C-alpha atoms as a PDB file:
ATOM      1  CA  UNK A   1       0.000  -0.001   0.003  1.00  0.00           C
ATOM      2  CA  UNK A   2       1.353   3.395  -0.966  1.00  0.00           C
ATOM      3  CA  UNK A   3       1.626   6.290   1.430  1.00  0.00           C
ATOM      4  CA  UNK A   4       2.381   9.727   0.107  1.00  0.00           C
ATOM      5  CA  UNK A   5       2.448  13.233   1.417  1.00  0.00           C
ATOM      6  CA  UNK A   6       1.266  15.789  -1.111  1.00  0.00           C
ATOM      7  CA  UNK A   7       1.764  19.505  -0.487  1.00  0.00           C
ATOM      8  CA  UNK A   8      -1.193  21.796  -0.996  1.00  0.00           C
ATOM      9  CA  UNK A   9      -0.487  25.293  -2.267  1.00  0.00           C
ATOM     10  CA  UNK A  10      -3.126  27.972  -1.628  1.00  0.00           C
ATOM     11  CA  UNK A  11      -3.853  30.185  -4.627  1.00  0.00           C
ATOM     12  CA  UNK A  12      -4.769  33.867  -4.314  1.00  0.00           C
ATOM     13  CA  UNK A  13      -8.457  32.994  -4.681  1.00  0.00           C
ATOM     14  CA  UNK A  14      -8.339  30.413  -1.871  1.00  0.00           C
ATOM     15  CA  UNK A  15      -8.306  27.368  -4.150  1.00  0.00           C
ATOM     16  CA  UNK A  16      -5.841  24.672  -3.124  1.00  0.00           C
ATOM     17  CA  UNK A  17      -3.416  23.520  -5.809  1.00  0.00           C
ATOM     18  CA  UNK A  18      -1.289  20.378  -6.019  1.00  0.00           C
ATOM     19  CA  UNK A  19       2.050  20.486  -7.897  1.00  0.00           C
ATOM     20  CA  UNK A  20       1.778  18.588 -11.188  1.00  0.00           C
ATOM     21  CA  UNK A  21       4.844  16.457 -10.486  1.00  0.00           C
ATOM     22  CA  UNK A  22       3.169  15.198  -7.307  1.00  0.00           C
ATOM     23  CA  UNK A  23      -0.017  14.381  -9.208  1.00  0.00           C
ATOM     24  CA  UNK A  24       1.871  12.425 -11.860  1.00  0.00           C
ATOM     25  CA  UNK A  25       3.952  10.713  -9.184  1.00  0.00           C
ATOM     26  CA  UNK A  26       0.783   9.701  -7.359  1.00  0.00           C
ATOM     27  CA  UNK A  27      -0.772   8.321 -10.555  1.00  0.00           C
ATOM     28  CA  UNK A  28       2.353   6.316 -11.392  1.00  0.00           C
ATOM     29  CA  UNK A  29       2.683   5.015  -7.823  1.00  0.00           C
ATOM     30  CA  UNK A  30      -0.951   3.959  -7.774  1.00  0.00           C
ATOM     31  CA  UNK A  31      -0.549   2.140 -11.099  1.00  0.00           C
ATOM     32  CA  UNK A  32       2.606   0.394  -9.868  1.00  0.00           C
ATOM     33  CA  UNK A  33       0.880  -0.554  -6.595  1.00  0.00           C
ATOM     34  CA  UNK A  34      -2.043  -2.077  -8.508  1.00  0.00           C
ATOM     35  CA  UNK A  35       0.314  -4.073 -10.733  1.00  0.00           C
ATOM     36  CA  UNK A  36       2.310  -5.279  -7.736  1.00  0.00           C
ATOM     37  CA  UNK A  37      -0.887  -6.289  -5.920  1.00  0.00           C
ATOM     38  CA  UNK A  38      -2.045  -8.126  -9.021  1.00  0.00           C
ATOM     39  CA  UNK A  39       1.269 -10.016  -9.280  1.00  0.00           C
ATOM     40  CA  UNK A  40       1.266 -11.021  -5.600  1.00  0.00           C
ATOM     41  CA  UNK A  41      -2.386 -12.061  -5.680  1.00  0.00           C
ATOM     42  CA  UNK A  42      -3.475  -9.411  -3.174  1.00  0.00           C
ATOM     43  CA  UNK A  43      -5.871  -7.794  -5.632  1.00  0.00           C
ATOM     44  CA  UNK A  44      -8.899  -9.782  -6.654  1.00  0.00           C
ATOM     45  CA  UNK A  45     -10.387  -9.268 -10.046  1.00  0.00           C
ATOM     46  CA  UNK A  46      -9.678  -9.637 -13.694  1.00  0.00           C
ATOM     47  CA  UNK A  47      -5.915  -9.378 -14.283  1.00  0.00           C
ATOM     48  CA  UNK A  48      -6.320  -7.786 -17.696  1.00  0.00           C
ATOM     49  CA  UNK A  49      -8.620  -5.117 -16.258  1.00  0.00           C
ATOM     50  CA  UNK A  50      -6.063  -4.288 -13.556  1.00  0.00           C
ATOM     51  CA  UNK A  51      -3.305  -3.993 -16.187  1.00  0.00           C
ATOM     52  CA  UNK A  52      -5.542  -1.873 -18.421  1.00  0.00           C
ATOM     53  CA  UNK A  53      -6.473   0.495 -15.588  1.00  0.00           C
ATOM     54  CA  UNK A  54      -2.828   0.806 -14.523  1.00  0.00           C
ATOM     55  CA  UNK A  55      -1.970   1.622 -18.138  1.00  0.00           C
ATOM     56  CA  UNK A  56      -4.643   4.333 -18.232  1.00  0.00           C
ATOM     57  CA  UNK A  57      -3.211   5.940 -15.082  1.00  0.00           C
ATOM     58  CA  UNK A  58       0.305   5.850 -16.532  1.00  0.00           C
ATOM     59  CA  UNK A  59      -0.888   7.346 -19.826  1.00  0.00           C
ATOM     60  CA  UNK A  60      -2.707  10.108 -17.926  1.00  0.00           C
ATOM     61  CA  UNK A  61       0.487  10.883 -15.989  1.00  0.00           C
ATOM     62  CA  UNK A  62       2.430  10.995 -19.259  1.00  0.00           C
ATOM     63  CA  UNK A  63      -0.159  13.330 -20.796  1.00  0.00           C
ATOM     64  CA  UNK A  64       0.012  15.684 -17.814  1.00  0.00           C
ATOM     65  CA  UNK A  65       3.823  15.705 -18.039  1.00  0.00           C
ATOM     66  CA  UNK A  66       3.728  16.508 -21.761  1.00  0.00           C
ATOM     67  CA  UNK A  67       1.217  19.323 -21.261  1.00  0.00           C
ATOM     68  CA  UNK A  68       3.279  20.801 -18.425  1.00  0.00           C
ATOM     69  CA  UNK A  69       6.438  20.647 -20.526  1.00  0.00           C
ATOM     70  CA  UNK A  70       4.608  22.370 -23.363  1.00  0.00           C
ATOM     71  CA  UNK A  71       3.274  25.023 -21.008  1.00  0.00           C
ATOM     72  CA  UNK A  72       6.650  25.775 -19.439  1.00  0.00           C
ATOM     73  CA  UNK A  73       8.382  25.717 -22.833  1.00  0.00           C
ATOM     74  CA  UNK A  74       5.919  28.272 -24.214  1.00  0.00           C
ATOM     75  CA  UNK A  75       6.123  30.551 -21.176  1.00  0.00           C
ATOM     76  CA  UNK A  76       8.206  33.692 -21.722  1.00  0.00           C
ATOM     77  CA  UNK A  77      11.521  33.705 -19.866  1.00  0.00           C
ATOM     78  CA  UNK A  78      12.471  36.762 -17.813  1.00  0.00           C
END
């Protein structure tokens, strides 16, 4: 079972934000935890479904990383 501490950053409007690298790390850790649980027999259910869901989480993390890289690359430098 994964345990993570994720920092919350308050925005000016009071909304709480989570750093993108922590979000992607959480998604990848969750996917890896599911796969590990599936391999050890701790997780009950269809093995293919577990692998597919873990793949979706990993792809989502990759997509977030790509979008963040694109955003920071397009941002003007001081």
